[in-house]
Amino acid sequence: MKNFTLLILSIAIVYIVSCISIVKGEDNTKQLQENIASKIVRFHIIANSDNEEDQKLKLKVKDSVITYTQKLLKDSKSLEETCKIINEHKKQILEIADNVIRENGYDYSTTITYENCYFPAKTYGDITFPPGNYNAFNIRIGEHNGKNWWCVLYPPLCFVDAIHSVVPDESKKELETILGYEDYKALIYGVNDEAYNVKIKFKFLTFLN
């Protein structure tokens, strides 16, 4: 009877600790997202649909637009300057996207907007951006019902190795400088890292082994 009581008690403790860990983890994920959202701007290109041809078209649009914006932003030193430059060149960016679409035999319309909207968790290389609301420039192609291509426009992660999604050390250092050490480390290792002090260590009672 005594062992049974200890078993029930230990199960209850495990459950409580698990719940605390989950809630704490969620709180820290939310805190991390809020910390970094004001320091970055994202860039998304949403395909007309998920069929293979529309997805290929999306990537062609991406290649041309990113080539253009890379030149535009090569001297940008701040989030505000990046947004200002993109806003001033929206017409040219859409013309580039439209030209790619026409050259490939489609007549989809395109729009570009700057807005604050919700995004699920996204991983770029070994960096994971938590879910939440972010400011982003969004290019929408046609019915824009397909999967999107995305990157971080500022700091300029759009212009690193997009094929292999490899973020070089120089870009990581810039990201760390902008976000701060703890938030940067949490993007790499997750919010359960010691930087956020959310690890709860628990040992089972010996008799449960």
C-alpha atoms as a PDB file:
ATOM      1  CA  MET A   1       0.000   0.000   0.000  1.00  0.00           C
ATOM      2  CA  LYS A   2       2.840   2.322   0.903  1.00  0.00           C
ATOM      3  CA  ASN A   3       4.614   1.717  -2.416  1.00  0.00           C
ATOM      4  CA  PHE A   4       1.347   2.261  -4.282  1.00  0.00           C
ATOM      5  CA  THR A   5       0.834   5.600  -2.520  1.00  0.00           C
ATOM      6  CA  LEU A   6       4.398   6.643  -3.390  1.00  0.00           C
ATOM      7  CA  LEU A   7       3.808   5.623  -7.000  1.00  0.00           C
ATOM      8  CA  ILE A   8       0.670   7.773  -7.251  1.00  0.00           C
ATOM      9  CA  LEU A   9       2.461  10.673  -5.567  1.00  0.00           C
ATOM     10  CA  SER A  10       5.438  10.431  -7.899  1.00  0.00           C
ATOM     11  CA  ILE A  11       3.183  10.307 -10.967  1.00  0.00           C
ATOM     12  CA  ALA A  12       1.399  13.425  -9.729  1.00  0.00           C
ATOM     13  CA  ILE A  13       4.738  15.196  -9.229  1.00  0.00           C
ATOM     14  CA  VAL A  14       5.891  14.241 -12.714  1.00  0.00           C
ATOM     15  CA  TYR A  15       2.634  15.587 -14.175  1.00  0.00           C
ATOM     16  CA  ILE A  16       2.885  18.869 -12.267  1.00  0.00           C
ATOM     17  CA  VAL A  17       6.534  19.381 -13.208  1.00  0.00           C
ATOM     18  CA  SER A  18       5.731  18.594 -16.855  1.00  0.00           C
ATOM     19  CA  CYS A  19       2.921  21.138 -16.865  1.00  0.00           C
ATOM     20  CA  ILE A  20       5.186  23.762 -15.317  1.00  0.00           C
ATOM     21  CA  SER A  21       7.859  23.034 -17.902  1.00  0.00           C
ATOM     22  CA  ILE A  22       5.401  23.338 -20.798  1.00  0.00           C
ATOM     23  CA  VAL A  23       3.895  26.591 -19.524  1.00  0.00           C
ATOM     24  CA  LYS A  24       7.327  28.019 -18.782  1.00  0.00           C
ATOM     25  CA  GLY A  25       8.564  26.993 -22.216  1.00  0.00           C
ATOM     26  CA  GLU A  26       5.548  28.601 -23.894  1.00  0.00           C
ATOM     27  CA  ASP A  27       6.030  31.802 -21.885  1.00  0.00           C
ATOM     28  CA  ASN A  28       9.671  32.008 -22.885  1.00  0.00           C
ATOM     29  CA  THR A  29       8.927  31.287 -26.532  1.00  0.00           C
ATOM     30  CA  LYS A  30       6.407  34.133 -26.504  1.00  0.00           C
ATOM     31  CA  GLN A  31       8.903  36.403 -24.752  1.00  0.00           C
ATOM     32  CA  LEU A  32      11.619  35.551 -27.268  1.00  0.00           C
ATOM     33  CA  GLN A  33       9.287  36.220 -30.196  1.00  0.00           C
ATOM     34  CA  GLU A  34       8.263  39.595 -28.785  1.00  0.00           C
ATOM     35  CA  ASN A  35      11.881  40.505 -28.106  1.00  0.00           C
ATOM     36  CA  ILE A  36      13.043  39.904 -31.659  1.00  0.00           C
ATOM     37  CA  ALA A  37       9.923  40.940 -33.607  1.00  0.00           C
ATOM     38  CA  SER A  38      10.666  44.641 -33.212  1.00  0.00           C
ATOM     39  CA  LYS A  39      14.255  44.182 -34.393  1.00  0.00           C
ATOM     40  CA  ILE A  40      13.754  42.311 -37.661  1.00  0.00           C
ATOM     41  CA  VAL A  41      11.706  42.539 -40.844  1.00  0.00           C
ATOM     42  CA  ARG A  42      10.771  39.461 -42.848  1.00  0.00           C
ATOM     43  CA  PHE A  43      10.201  38.924 -46.542  1.00  0.00           C
ATOM     44  CA  HIS A  44       7.726  36.403 -47.973  1.00  0.00           C
ATOM     45  CA  ILE A  45       6.748  35.435 -51.510  1.00  0.00           C
ATOM     46  CA  ILE A  46       3.478  33.487 -51.577  1.00  0.00           C
ATOM     47  CA  ALA A  47       2.851  31.225 -54.571  1.00  0.00           C
ATOM     48  CA  ASN A  48      -0.422  31.104 -56.480  1.00  0.00           C
ATOM     49  CA  SER A  49      -0.906  27.469 -55.434  1.00  0.00           C
ATOM     50  CA  ASP A  50       0.986  24.387 -54.296  1.00  0.00           C
ATOM     51  CA  ASN A  51       1.134  22.743 -57.693  1.00  0.00           C
ATOM     52  CA  GLU A  52       4.641  22.105 -58.983  1.00  0.00           C
ATOM     53  CA  GLU A  53       4.608  24.750 -61.704  1.00  0.00           C
ATOM     54  CA  ASP A  54       3.361  27.508 -59.400  1.00  0.00           C
ATOM     55  CA  GLN A  55       6.009  26.623 -56.836  1.00  0.00           C
ATOM     56  CA  LYS A  56       8.730  26.761 -59.496  1.00  0.00           C
ATOM     57  CA  LEU A  57       7.408  30.130 -60.639  1.00  0.00           C
ATOM     58  CA  LYS A  58       7.533  31.429 -57.076  1.00  0.00           C
ATOM     59  CA  LEU A  59      11.233  30.550 -56.857  1.00  0.00           C
ATOM     60  CA  LYS A  60      11.965  32.243 -60.174  1.00  0.00           C
ATOM     61  CA  VAL A  61      10.265  35.382 -58.905  1.00  0.00           C
ATOM     62  CA  LYS A  62      12.281  35.074 -55.697  1.00  0.00           C
ATOM     63  CA  ASP A  63      15.594  34.826 -57.558  1.00  0.00           C
ATOM     64  CA  SER A  64      14.969  37.977 -59.604  1.00  0.00           C
ATOM     65  CA  VAL A  65      13.523  40.020 -56.741  1.00  0.00           C
ATOM     66  CA  ILE A  66      16.296  39.076 -54.301  1.00  0.00           C
ATOM     67  CA  THR A  67      18.996  39.900 -56.874  1.00  0.00           C
ATOM     68  CA  TYR A  68      17.453  43.361 -57.197  1.00  0.00           C
ATOM     69  CA  THR A  69      16.875  43.999 -53.487  1.00  0.00           C
ATOM     70  CA  GLN A  70      20.385  42.847 -52.600  1.00  0.00           C
ATOM     71  CA  LYS A  71      21.783  45.728 -54.642  1.00  0.00           C
ATOM     72  CA  LEU A  72      19.256  48.151 -53.156  1.00  0.00           C
ATOM     73  CA  LEU A  73      20.082  47.242 -49.571  1.00  0.00           C
ATOM     74  CA  LYS A  74      23.843  46.721 -49.754  1.00  0.00           C
ATOM     75  CA  ASP A  75      24.498  49.927 -47.797  1.00  0.00           C
ATOM     76  CA  SER A  76      21.500  49.796 -45.455  1.00  0.00           C
ATOM     77  CA  LYS A  77      22.531  49.995 -41.809  1.00  0.00           C
ATOM     78  CA  SER A  78      19.216  49.790 -39.962  1.00  0.00           C
ATOM     79  CA  LEU A  79      15.759  48.262 -39.979  1.00  0.00           C
ATOM     80  CA  GLU A  80      14.216  51.685 -40.595  1.00  0.00           C
ATOM     81  CA  GLU A  81      16.462  52.348 -43.586  1.00  0.00           C
ATOM     82  CA  THR A  82      15.732  48.908 -45.038  1.00  0.00           C
ATOM     83  CA  CYS A  83      11.968  49.450 -44.797  1.00  0.00           C
ATOM     84  CA  LYS A  84      12.264  52.936 -46.286  1.00  0.00           C
ATOM     85  CA  ILE A  85      14.240  51.677 -49.289  1.00  0.00           C
ATOM     86  CA  ILE A  86      11.853  48.787 -49.984  1.00  0.00           C
ATOM     87  CA  ASN A  87       8.811  51.037 -49.654  1.00  0.00           C
ATOM     88  CA  GLU A  88      10.330  53.509 -52.106  1.00  0.00           C
ATOM     89  CA  HIS A  89      10.959  50.741 -54.653  1.00  0.00           C
ATOM     90  CA  LYS A  90       7.732  48.725 -54.387  1.00  0.00           C
ATOM     91  CA  LYS A  91       6.759  49.610 -57.962  1.00  0.00           C
ATOM     92  CA  GLN A  92      10.082  48.423 -59.371  1.00  0.00           C
ATOM     93  CA  ILE A  93       9.955  45.211 -57.330  1.00  0.00           C
ATOM     94  CA  LEU A  94       6.474  44.406 -58.639  1.00  0.00           C
ATOM     95  CA  GLU A  95       7.584  45.132 -62.204  1.00  0.00           C
ATOM     96  CA  ILE A  96      10.391  42.617 -61.800  1.00  0.00           C
ATOM     97  CA  ALA A  97       7.984  40.014 -60.395  1.00  0.00           C
ATOM     98  CA  ASP A  98       5.442  40.683 -63.148  1.00  0.00           C
ATOM     99  CA  ASN A  99       8.083  40.379 -65.869  1.00  0.00           C
ATOM    100  CA  VAL A 100       9.171  36.975 -64.558  1.00  0.00           C
ATOM    101  CA  ILE A 101       5.564  35.802 -64.448  1.00  0.00           C
ATOM    102  CA  ARG A 102       4.852  36.984 -68.017  1.00  0.00           C
ATOM    103  CA  GLU A 103       8.096  35.521 -69.360  1.00  0.00           C
ATOM    104  CA  ASN A 104       7.015  32.148 -68.004  1.00  0.00           C
ATOM    105  CA  GLY A 105       3.634  32.291 -69.706  1.00  0.00           C
ATOM    106  CA  TYR A 106       1.374  33.243 -66.795  1.00  0.00           C
ATOM    107  CA  ASP A 107      -0.898  36.230 -66.268  1.00  0.00           C
ATOM    108  CA  TYR A 108      -1.091  36.195 -62.462  1.00  0.00           C
ATOM    109  CA  SER A 109      -1.420  39.560 -60.763  1.00  0.00           C
ATOM    110  CA  THR A 110       0.950  40.513 -57.938  1.00  0.00           C
ATOM    111  CA  THR A 111       0.767  42.721 -54.868  1.00  0.00           C
ATOM    112  CA  ILE A 112       3.339  43.783 -52.312  1.00  0.00           C
ATOM    113  CA  THR A 113       2.352  44.884 -48.824  1.00  0.00           C
ATOM    114  CA  TYR A 114       4.093  45.765 -45.587  1.00  0.00           C
ATOM    115  CA  GLU A 115       2.099  44.393 -42.682  1.00  0.00           C
ATOM    116  CA  ASN A 116       2.195  42.836 -39.272  1.00  0.00           C
ATOM    117  CA  CYS A 117       0.911  39.275 -39.442  1.00  0.00           C
ATOM    118  CA  TYR A 118       1.168  35.888 -37.779  1.00  0.00           C
ATOM    119  CA  PHE A 119       3.700  33.302 -38.944  1.00  0.00           C
ATOM    120  CA  PRO A 120       4.289  29.766 -37.653  1.00  0.00           C
ATOM    121  CA  ALA A 121       7.741  28.701 -36.477  1.00  0.00           C
ATOM    122  CA  LYS A 122      10.244  28.889 -39.348  1.00  0.00           C
ATOM    123  CA  THR A 123      13.776  27.508 -39.560  1.00  0.00           C
ATOM    124  CA  TYR A 124      16.588  28.964 -41.620  1.00  0.00           C
ATOM    125  CA  GLY A 125      19.711  26.835 -41.449  1.00  0.00           C
ATOM    126  CA  ASP A 126      20.297  26.258 -37.739  1.00  0.00           C
ATOM    127  CA  ILE A 127      18.249  29.289 -36.683  1.00  0.00           C
ATOM    128  CA  THR A 128      14.600  28.858 -35.713  1.00  0.00           C
ATOM    129  CA  PHE A 129      12.317  31.866 -35.459  1.00  0.00           C
ATOM    130  CA  PRO A 130       9.432  31.210 -33.047  1.00  0.00           C
ATOM    131  CA  PRO A 131       5.782  31.569 -34.077  1.00  0.00           C
ATOM    132  CA  GLY A 132       4.085  34.906 -33.621  1.00  0.00           C
ATOM    133  CA  ASN A 133       3.423  38.268 -35.233  1.00  0.00           C
ATOM    134  CA  TYR A 134       6.165  39.895 -37.288  1.00  0.00           C
ATOM    135  CA  ASN A 135       6.448  42.855 -39.623  1.00  0.00           C
ATOM    136  CA  ALA A 136       6.962  41.596 -43.153  1.00  0.00           C
ATOM    137  CA  PHE A 137       6.970  42.579 -46.799  1.00  0.00           C
ATOM    138  CA  ASN A 138       4.722  40.088 -48.584  1.00  0.00           C
ATOM    139  CA  ILE A 139       4.598  39.548 -52.334  1.00  0.00           C
ATOM    140  CA  ARG A 140       1.437  37.669 -53.235  1.00  0.00           C
ATOM    141  CA  ILE A 141       1.177  35.927 -56.586  1.00  0.00           C
ATOM    142  CA  GLY A 142      -2.272  35.323 -58.119  1.00  0.00           C
ATOM    143  CA  GLU A 143      -4.597  33.582 -55.667  1.00  0.00           C
ATOM    144  CA  HIS A 144      -1.675  33.297 -53.205  1.00  0.00           C
ATOM    145  CA  ASN A 145      -2.903  29.958 -51.865  1.00  0.00           C
ATOM    146  CA  GLY A 146       0.439  28.158 -52.052  1.00  0.00           C
ATOM    147  CA  LYS A 147       3.408  27.674 -49.764  1.00  0.00           C
ATOM    148  CA  ASN A 148       5.622  30.700 -49.349  1.00  0.00           C
ATOM    149  CA  TRP A 149       9.331  31.260 -49.643  1.00  0.00           C
ATOM    150  CA  TRP A 150      10.683  33.402 -46.847  1.00  0.00           C
ATOM    151  CA  CYS A 151      13.788  35.058 -45.468  1.00  0.00           C
ATOM    152  CA  VAL A 152      14.822  37.788 -43.041  1.00  0.00           C
ATOM    153  CA  LEU A 153      15.306  41.058 -44.893  1.00  0.00           C
ATOM    154  CA  TYR A 154      16.864  42.826 -41.924  1.00  0.00           C
ATOM    155  CA  PRO A 155      19.329  41.830 -40.678  1.00  0.00           C
ATOM    156  CA  PRO A 156      20.151  40.737 -44.252  1.00  0.00           C
ATOM    157  CA  LEU A 157      19.828  36.957 -44.096  1.00  0.00           C
ATOM    158  CA  CYS A 158      18.055  36.911 -47.476  1.00  0.00           C
ATOM    159  CA  PHE A 159      21.388  37.248 -49.203  1.00  0.00           C
ATOM    160  CA  VAL A 160      23.332  34.368 -47.672  1.00  0.00           C
ATOM    161  CA  ASP A 161      23.488  30.828 -49.076  1.00  0.00           C
ATOM    162  CA  ALA A 162      19.806  30.484 -49.955  1.00  0.00           C
ATOM    163  CA  ILE A 163      20.282  27.154 -51.722  1.00  0.00           C
ATOM    164  CA  HIS A 164      21.583  25.325 -48.672  1.00  0.00           C
ATOM    165  CA  SER A 165      20.103  27.733 -46.091  1.00  0.00           C
ATOM    166  CA  VAL A 166      23.538  28.108 -44.527  1.00  0.00           C
ATOM    167  CA  VAL A 167      24.025  31.198 -42.398  1.00  0.00           C
ATOM    168  CA  PRO A 168      27.721  32.187 -42.372  1.00  0.00           C
ATOM    169  CA  ASP A 169      29.457  33.230 -39.173  1.00  0.00           C
ATOM    170  CA  GLU A 170      29.613  36.873 -40.268  1.00  0.00           C
ATOM    171  CA  SER A 171      25.826  37.032 -40.679  1.00  0.00           C
ATOM    172  CA  LYS A 172      25.306  35.220 -37.380  1.00  0.00           C
ATOM    173  CA  LYS A 173      27.524  37.758 -35.651  1.00  0.00           C
ATOM    174  CA  GLU A 174      25.465  40.605 -37.085  1.00  0.00           C
ATOM    175  CA  LEU A 175      22.272  38.883 -35.967  1.00  0.00           C
ATOM    176  CA  GLU A 176      23.696  38.453 -32.456  1.00  0.00           C
ATOM    177  CA  THR A 177      24.677  42.129 -32.333  1.00  0.00           C
ATOM    178  CA  ILE A 178      21.174  43.224 -33.302  1.00  0.00           C
ATOM    179  CA  LEU A 179      19.213  40.784 -31.138  1.00  0.00           C
ATOM    180  CA  GLY A 180      21.507  40.532 -28.125  1.00  0.00           C
ATOM    181  CA  TYR A 181      23.385  37.465 -26.912  1.00  0.00           C
ATOM    182  CA  GLU A 182      20.605  35.700 -25.003  1.00  0.00           C
ATOM    183  CA  ASP A 183      17.933  36.080 -27.683  1.00  0.00           C
ATOM    184  CA  TYR A 184      20.387  35.058 -30.391  1.00  0.00           C
ATOM    185  CA  LYS A 185      21.450  32.000 -28.410  1.00  0.00           C
ATOM    186  CA  ALA A 186      17.794  31.022 -27.892  1.00  0.00           C
ATOM    187  CA  LEU A 187      17.211  31.133 -31.671  1.00  0.00           C
ATOM    188  CA  ILE A 188      20.080  28.686 -32.144  1.00  0.00           C
ATOM    189  CA  TYR A 189      19.565  26.329 -29.201  1.00  0.00           C
ATOM    190  CA  GLY A 190      15.914  26.914 -28.276  1.00  0.00           C
ATOM    191  CA  VAL A 191      14.202  28.666 -25.379  1.00  0.00           C
ATOM    192  CA  ASN A 192      14.970  25.773 -23.019  1.00  0.00           C
ATOM    193  CA  ASP A 193      18.629  26.669 -23.102  1.00  0.00           C
ATOM    194  CA  GLU A 194      20.215  27.840 -19.850  1.00  0.00           C
ATOM    195  CA  ALA A 195      20.093  31.411 -21.129  1.00  0.00           C
ATOM    196  CA  TYR A 196      16.370  31.364 -20.381  1.00  0.00           C
ATOM    197  CA  ASN A 197      16.661  29.359 -17.163  1.00  0.00           C
ATOM    198  CA  VAL A 198      13.765  27.073 -17.975  1.00  0.00           C
ATOM    199  CA  LYS A 199      15.368  23.672 -17.544  1.00  0.00           C
ATOM    200  CA  ILE A 200      13.684  21.814 -14.713  1.00  0.00           C
ATOM    201  CA  LYS A 201      15.656  18.749 -13.713  1.00  0.00           C
ATOM    202  CA  PHE A 202      13.794  15.945 -12.042  1.00  0.00           C
ATOM    203  CA  LYS A 203      14.881  12.551 -10.732  1.00  0.00           C
ATOM    204  CA  PHE A 204      12.472   9.684 -10.448  1.00  0.00           C
ATOM    205  CA  LEU A 205      12.284   8.002  -7.099  1.00  0.00           C
ATOM    206  CA  THR A 206      14.677   5.061  -7.080  1.00  0.00           C
ATOM    207  CA  PHE A 207      11.946   2.465  -6.690  1.00  0.00           C
ATOM    208  CA  LEU A 208      10.414   3.482 -10.019  1.00  0.00           C
ATOM    209  CA  ASN A 209      13.438   2.288 -11.987  1.00  0.00           C
END
